[in-house]
N, C-alpha and C. Protein backbone atom coordinates (compact mmCIF):
# COMPACT_ATOMS: atom_id res chain seq x y z
N MET A 1 28.29 -13.11 -56.21
CA MET A 1 28.75 -13.29 -54.78
C MET A 1 27.70 -13.03 -53.78
N ALA A 2 27.60 -13.86 -52.70
CA ALA A 2 26.55 -13.32 -51.37
C ALA A 2 27.29 -12.21 -50.92
N VAL A 3 25.81 -11.48 -50.46
CA VAL A 3 26.01 -10.51 -49.43
C VAL A 3 26.27 -10.94 -47.86
N LYS A 4 27.08 -10.25 -47.48
CA LYS A 4 27.16 -10.52 -45.90
C LYS A 4 25.95 -9.99 -45.21
N LYS A 5 25.27 -10.71 -44.27
CA LYS A 5 24.31 -9.90 -43.47
C LYS A 5 24.80 -10.39 -41.91
N SER A 6 24.32 -9.56 -41.21
CA SER A 6 24.28 -10.14 -39.51
C SER A 6 23.56 -9.32 -39.09
N LEU A 7 23.09 -9.70 -37.47
CA LEU A 7 22.03 -8.94 -36.91
C LEU A 7 22.79 -7.91 -35.98
N LEU A 8 22.62 -6.23 -36.10
CA LEU A 8 23.28 -5.19 -35.65
C LEU A 8 22.73 -5.26 -34.27
N ASN A 9 21.34 -4.91 -34.26
CA ASN A 9 20.39 -4.43 -33.07
C ASN A 9 19.02 -4.90 -33.30
N VAL A 10 18.59 -5.01 -32.06
CA VAL A 10 17.00 -5.17 -32.15
C VAL A 10 16.48 -3.99 -31.54
N THR A 11 16.13 -3.02 -32.48
CA THR A 11 15.24 -1.76 -31.80
C THR A 11 13.93 -1.46 -31.65
N VAL A 12 14.05 -0.66 -30.48
CA VAL A 12 12.76 -0.34 -29.75
C VAL A 12 12.00 0.81 -29.94
N ASN A 13 10.99 1.43 -30.47
CA ASN A 13 10.76 2.66 -30.23
C ASN A 13 9.53 3.15 -29.10
N SER A 14 10.18 4.10 -29.26
CA SER A 14 9.68 5.20 -27.63
C SER A 14 9.63 6.30 -27.87
N PRO A 15 8.58 6.79 -26.85
CA PRO A 15 8.76 8.27 -27.18
C PRO A 15 9.83 9.04 -26.28
N ASP A 16 10.35 8.16 -25.13
CA ASP A 16 11.68 8.80 -24.66
C ASP A 16 12.26 7.82 -24.84
N ALA A 17 13.62 7.59 -25.80
CA ALA A 17 14.29 6.80 -26.04
C ALA A 17 15.63 6.74 -24.92
N LEU A 18 15.75 8.10 -24.97
CA LEU A 18 16.93 8.04 -23.97
C LEU A 18 16.94 7.45 -22.51
N ARG A 19 15.66 7.67 -22.19
CA ARG A 19 15.26 6.96 -20.75
C ARG A 19 15.04 5.83 -20.89
N LEU A 20 14.39 5.00 -22.05
CA LEU A 20 14.27 3.73 -21.90
C LEU A 20 15.76 3.17 -22.24
N ALA A 21 16.34 3.46 -23.08
CA ALA A 21 17.68 3.05 -23.48
C ALA A 21 18.45 3.02 -22.19
N ARG A 22 18.67 3.95 -21.40
CA ARG A 22 19.64 4.02 -19.84
C ARG A 22 19.00 3.05 -19.04
N TRP A 23 17.63 2.77 -18.97
CA TRP A 23 17.03 1.77 -18.44
C TRP A 23 17.39 0.56 -18.23
N TRP A 24 17.03 0.18 -20.00
CA TRP A 24 17.83 -1.33 -20.15
C TRP A 24 19.42 -1.50 -20.22
N ALA A 25 20.13 -0.54 -20.68
CA ALA A 25 21.66 -0.32 -20.33
C ALA A 25 21.83 -0.43 -18.87
N ASP A 26 21.37 -0.39 -17.68
CA ASP A 26 21.10 -0.43 -16.59
C ASP A 26 20.98 -1.74 -16.13
N ALA A 27 19.88 -2.26 -16.58
CA ALA A 27 19.19 -3.74 -16.65
C ALA A 27 20.10 -4.92 -16.96
N LEU A 28 20.93 -4.29 -17.90
CA LEU A 28 21.57 -5.64 -18.34
C LEU A 28 23.31 -5.46 -18.58
N ASP A 29 23.56 -4.63 -17.50
CA ASP A 29 24.90 -4.18 -17.35
C ASP A 29 25.51 -3.69 -18.58
N GLY A 30 24.74 -3.02 -19.90
CA GLY A 30 24.94 -2.62 -20.97
C GLY A 30 25.71 -1.00 -21.06
N GLU A 31 26.28 -0.52 -22.08
CA GLU A 31 26.88 0.68 -22.11
C GLU A 31 26.13 1.29 -23.41
N ILE A 32 26.20 2.71 -23.03
CA ILE A 32 25.28 3.49 -24.35
C ILE A 32 26.36 3.73 -25.02
N LEU A 33 26.52 3.66 -26.16
CA LEU A 33 27.27 3.94 -27.31
C LEU A 33 27.14 5.11 -27.83
N ALA A 34 26.16 5.43 -28.36
CA ALA A 34 25.46 6.92 -29.21
C ALA A 34 24.15 7.65 -28.56
N GLU A 35 24.26 8.69 -28.19
CA GLU A 35 22.76 8.95 -28.07
C GLU A 35 21.80 9.67 -29.15
N ASN A 36 23.19 10.18 -29.91
CA ASN A 36 22.17 11.19 -31.42
C ASN A 36 21.17 12.04 -30.31
N GLU A 37 21.29 12.63 -29.79
CA GLU A 37 20.50 13.97 -28.98
C GLU A 37 18.96 13.00 -28.89
N GLY A 38 19.10 11.92 -28.20
CA GLY A 38 18.01 11.15 -27.88
C GLY A 38 16.95 10.55 -28.78
N TRP A 39 17.31 10.77 -29.93
CA TRP A 39 16.52 10.52 -31.36
C TRP A 39 16.87 8.93 -31.49
N PHE A 40 18.33 8.61 -31.68
CA PHE A 40 18.52 6.97 -31.85
C PHE A 40 19.68 6.69 -30.75
N VAL A 41 19.51 6.02 -29.92
CA VAL A 41 20.21 5.40 -28.82
C VAL A 41 20.77 4.22 -28.77
N ILE A 42 21.89 4.22 -29.10
CA ILE A 42 22.63 2.54 -29.29
C ILE A 42 23.47 2.13 -27.97
N VAL A 43 22.58 1.00 -27.44
CA VAL A 43 23.19 0.34 -26.10
C VAL A 43 24.14 -0.94 -26.68
N SER A 44 25.30 -0.95 -26.05
CA SER A 44 25.95 -2.18 -26.51
C SER A 44 25.93 -3.12 -25.29
N LEU A 45 25.79 -4.53 -25.59
CA LEU A 45 25.82 -5.39 -24.49
C LEU A 45 27.13 -6.28 -24.51
N GLY A 46 28.04 -5.93 -24.94
CA GLY A 46 29.13 -6.71 -25.27
C GLY A 46 29.70 -7.16 -26.58
N GLU A 47 31.28 -7.57 -26.84
CA GLU A 47 31.45 -7.46 -28.01
C GLU A 47 31.08 -9.22 -28.80
N GLY A 48 30.96 -9.24 -29.77
CA GLY A 48 30.09 -10.63 -30.55
C GLY A 48 28.57 -10.52 -30.37
N ARG A 49 27.86 -9.24 -29.48
CA ARG A 49 26.39 -9.73 -29.19
C ARG A 49 25.50 -8.74 -30.00
N PRO A 50 24.73 -8.63 -30.51
CA PRO A 50 23.98 -7.90 -31.10
C PRO A 50 23.55 -6.68 -29.99
N GLY A 51 23.26 -5.26 -30.19
CA GLY A 51 22.85 -4.55 -29.64
C GLY A 51 21.65 -3.90 -29.46
N LEU A 52 21.20 -3.37 -28.27
CA LEU A 52 19.96 -2.56 -28.25
C LEU A 52 19.90 -1.43 -28.76
N ALA A 53 18.67 -0.92 -29.40
CA ALA A 53 18.69 0.68 -30.12
C ALA A 53 17.31 1.01 -29.87
N PHE A 54 17.08 2.37 -29.50
CA PHE A 54 15.93 2.96 -29.22
C PHE A 54 16.13 4.33 -29.88
N GLN A 55 15.09 4.07 -30.63
CA GLN A 55 14.70 5.29 -31.71
C GLN A 55 13.20 5.79 -30.90
N LYS A 56 13.61 7.13 -31.14
CA LYS A 56 12.21 8.13 -30.81
C LYS A 56 11.45 8.43 -32.03
N VAL A 57 10.06 8.00 -31.45
CA VAL A 57 8.73 8.47 -32.00
C VAL A 57 7.75 8.68 -31.34
N GLU A 58 6.86 9.71 -31.98
CA GLU A 58 5.90 10.67 -31.29
C GLU A 58 4.84 9.39 -30.44
N SER A 59 4.32 8.12 -31.22
CA SER A 59 3.64 7.42 -30.16
C SER A 59 3.60 5.85 -30.87
N VAL A 60 3.43 4.94 -29.94
CA VAL A 60 3.84 3.68 -30.06
C VAL A 60 2.26 3.23 -30.43
N SER A 61 1.54 3.25 -30.31
CA SER A 61 0.28 3.59 -30.72
C SER A 61 0.10 2.37 -32.02
N SER A 62 0.55 3.13 -32.86
CA SER A 62 0.09 2.27 -34.24
C SER A 62 1.81 2.03 -34.73
N GLY A 63 1.62 1.40 -35.75
CA GLY A 63 2.81 0.54 -36.18
C GLY A 63 3.63 -0.38 -35.19
N SER A 64 4.68 -0.72 -35.72
CA SER A 64 5.84 -1.50 -35.15
C SER A 64 5.97 -0.82 -34.00
N ARG A 65 6.67 -1.49 -32.75
CA ARG A 65 7.07 -0.99 -31.58
C ARG A 65 8.78 -1.76 -31.55
N LEU A 66 8.49 -2.97 -32.59
CA LEU A 66 10.16 -3.60 -32.53
C LEU A 66 10.43 -4.11 -33.66
N HIS A 67 11.88 -3.86 -34.18
CA HIS A 67 12.32 -4.13 -35.18
C HIS A 67 13.72 -4.64 -35.44
N LEU A 68 14.23 -5.32 -36.45
CA LEU A 68 15.47 -5.63 -36.31
C LEU A 68 16.51 -4.99 -37.21
N ASP A 69 17.75 -4.63 -37.31
CA ASP A 69 18.82 -3.97 -37.99
C ASP A 69 19.41 -4.48 -37.91
N PHE A 70 19.58 -4.86 -39.44
CA PHE A 70 20.96 -5.90 -40.16
C PHE A 70 22.04 -4.94 -40.46
N GLY A 71 23.29 -5.47 -40.43
CA GLY A 71 24.31 -4.72 -40.83
C GLY A 71 24.81 -5.70 -42.16
N VAL A 72 24.76 -5.19 -43.31
CA VAL A 72 25.60 -5.54 -44.27
C VAL A 72 26.92 -5.29 -45.39
N ASP A 73 27.41 -5.78 -45.94
CA ASP A 73 28.85 -5.51 -46.36
C ASP A 73 28.74 -4.89 -47.65
N ASP A 74 27.51 -4.51 -48.29
CA ASP A 74 26.87 -4.32 -49.96
C ASP A 74 25.63 -3.76 -49.19
N MET A 75 25.67 -2.42 -49.06
CA MET A 75 23.80 -1.93 -48.55
C MET A 75 23.10 -2.79 -50.16
N ASN A 76 23.47 -1.70 -51.40
CA ASN A 76 22.81 -1.91 -52.56
C ASN A 76 22.80 -3.19 -52.88
N ALA A 77 23.73 -4.00 -52.87
CA ALA A 77 23.34 -5.70 -53.73
C ALA A 77 22.22 -6.18 -52.54
N ALA A 78 22.43 -5.95 -51.12
CA ALA A 78 21.20 -6.36 -50.12
C ALA A 78 20.09 -5.68 -50.25
N VAL A 79 19.70 -4.59 -50.58
CA VAL A 79 18.57 -4.23 -50.74
C VAL A 79 18.12 -4.89 -52.01
N GLU A 80 18.85 -5.12 -53.10
CA GLU A 80 18.06 -5.67 -54.50
C GLU A 80 17.83 -6.99 -54.06
N GLY A 81 18.74 -7.68 -53.81
CA GLY A 81 18.23 -8.99 -53.35
C GLY A 81 17.10 -9.36 -52.19
N LEU A 82 16.91 -8.38 -51.15
CA LEU A 82 15.70 -8.80 -50.14
C LEU A 82 14.74 -8.16 -51.00
N VAL A 83 14.69 -7.22 -51.86
CA VAL A 83 13.31 -6.82 -52.37
C VAL A 83 12.98 -7.88 -53.45
N ALA A 84 14.05 -8.35 -54.22
CA ALA A 84 13.75 -9.50 -55.48
C ALA A 84 13.28 -10.81 -54.51
N ALA A 85 13.40 -10.75 -53.09
CA ALA A 85 13.18 -11.93 -52.09
C ALA A 85 11.39 -11.73 -51.74
N GLY A 86 11.30 -10.48 -52.13
CA GLY A 86 9.30 -10.27 -51.70
C GLY A 86 9.55 -9.38 -50.70
N ALA A 87 11.10 -8.52 -50.11
CA ALA A 87 10.76 -7.01 -49.37
C ALA A 87 10.18 -5.94 -50.04
N THR A 88 9.43 -5.11 -49.40
CA THR A 88 9.00 -3.97 -49.92
C THR A 88 10.01 -3.17 -49.40
N LEU A 89 10.55 -2.17 -50.38
CA LEU A 89 11.16 -1.09 -49.88
C LEU A 89 10.31 0.21 -49.29
N ILE A 90 10.85 0.78 -48.20
CA ILE A 90 9.73 1.76 -47.69
C ILE A 90 10.46 3.28 -47.99
N ALA A 91 12.22 3.06 -47.63
CA ALA A 91 12.29 4.56 -47.29
C ALA A 91 13.85 4.31 -47.36
N GLU A 92 14.55 5.33 -48.15
CA GLU A 92 16.06 5.28 -47.68
C GLU A 92 16.25 6.44 -46.38
N ARG A 93 16.93 6.26 -45.42
CA ARG A 93 16.89 7.22 -44.62
C ARG A 93 18.78 7.79 -43.98
N SER A 94 19.20 8.94 -43.48
CA SER A 94 20.24 8.83 -42.99
C SER A 94 20.32 10.15 -41.92
N MET A 95 21.49 10.11 -41.29
CA MET A 95 21.57 10.71 -40.31
C MET A 95 23.52 11.19 -40.18
N PRO A 96 24.13 11.96 -39.64
CA PRO A 96 25.44 12.05 -39.59
C PRO A 96 26.04 10.91 -38.98
N GLY A 97 26.62 10.40 -40.13
CA GLY A 97 27.87 9.49 -39.83
C GLY A 97 26.98 7.94 -40.22
N VAL A 98 25.59 7.68 -40.55
CA VAL A 98 25.33 6.62 -41.03
C VAL A 98 24.18 6.83 -41.96
N THR A 99 23.77 5.56 -42.68
CA THR A 99 22.71 5.55 -43.92
C THR A 99 22.02 4.47 -43.72
N TRP A 100 20.96 4.50 -44.19
CA TRP A 100 19.86 2.76 -43.86
C TRP A 100 18.81 3.00 -44.55
N THR A 101 18.20 1.79 -44.91
CA THR A 101 17.33 1.49 -45.76
C THR A 101 16.34 0.90 -44.51
N THR A 102 14.99 1.08 -45.00
CA THR A 102 13.89 0.36 -44.27
C THR A 102 13.10 -0.13 -45.30
N LEU A 103 13.04 -1.45 -44.66
CA LEU A 103 12.05 -2.20 -45.85
C LEU A 103 10.85 -3.19 -45.22
N ALA A 104 10.15 -3.57 -45.67
CA ALA A 104 9.11 -4.87 -44.87
C ALA A 104 9.04 -5.86 -45.46
N ASP A 105 9.07 -7.13 -44.68
CA ASP A 105 8.80 -8.30 -44.71
C ASP A 105 7.99 -8.44 -46.00
N PRO A 106 7.39 -9.71 -46.22
CA PRO A 106 5.90 -9.89 -46.59
C PRO A 106 4.84 -10.07 -46.02
N ASP A 107 4.68 -9.86 -44.53
CA ASP A 107 4.00 -9.64 -43.81
C ASP A 107 3.89 -8.23 -43.77
N GLY A 108 4.71 -7.50 -43.79
CA GLY A 108 4.48 -6.00 -43.45
C GLY A 108 5.32 -6.19 -42.45
N ASN A 109 6.07 -6.58 -41.39
CA ASN A 109 6.99 -6.08 -40.52
C ASN A 109 8.20 -5.24 -41.23
N GLU A 110 8.56 -3.82 -40.56
CA GLU A 110 9.41 -3.54 -40.95
C GLU A 110 10.83 -3.89 -40.38
N PHE A 111 12.14 -3.75 -41.08
CA PHE A 111 13.50 -3.94 -40.44
C PHE A 111 14.47 -2.90 -41.55
N CYS A 112 15.45 -2.68 -40.85
CA CYS A 112 16.39 -1.81 -41.46
C CYS A 112 17.60 -2.62 -41.82
N VAL A 113 18.38 -1.81 -42.87
CA VAL A 113 19.82 -2.28 -43.35
C VAL A 113 20.79 -1.38 -43.60
N ALA A 114 21.71 -1.56 -42.84
CA ALA A 114 22.80 -0.42 -43.19
C ALA A 114 24.37 -1.52 -43.33
N GLU A 115 24.80 -0.21 -44.04
CA GLU A 115 26.15 -1.26 -44.79
C GLU A 115 27.18 -0.85 -42.94
N HIS A 116 27.82 -2.39 -43.09
CA HIS A 116 28.43 -2.48 -41.83
C HIS A 116 30.17 -3.18 -42.24
N GLY A 117 31.00 -2.63 -42.32
CA GLY A 117 32.36 -3.35 -42.57
C GLY A 117 32.77 -4.50 -41.72
């Protein structure tokens, strides 16, 4: 059975994630759904549209500034399938209420996968 995948968020790395999320929420008439103490801020742009997320990082001078977050109905199967197709497993991560896996595509671009019902 194929694993259902959907784009949840486009995630932007920022030294001040909450400030940047507030700016984009105002600019796009969005709504901040979760602040997570400024570490990972989620902005809704409306029903049926991918969200914007802002992740706090110390510096944006190295690594990716932007990545995609995918929602899947079976995270283990999705990660296995993506790795079999050439993705590289970077890390398993979690915070209260959510667990996700960070992977990289064949060119090294990072993206995240989380179970989403």
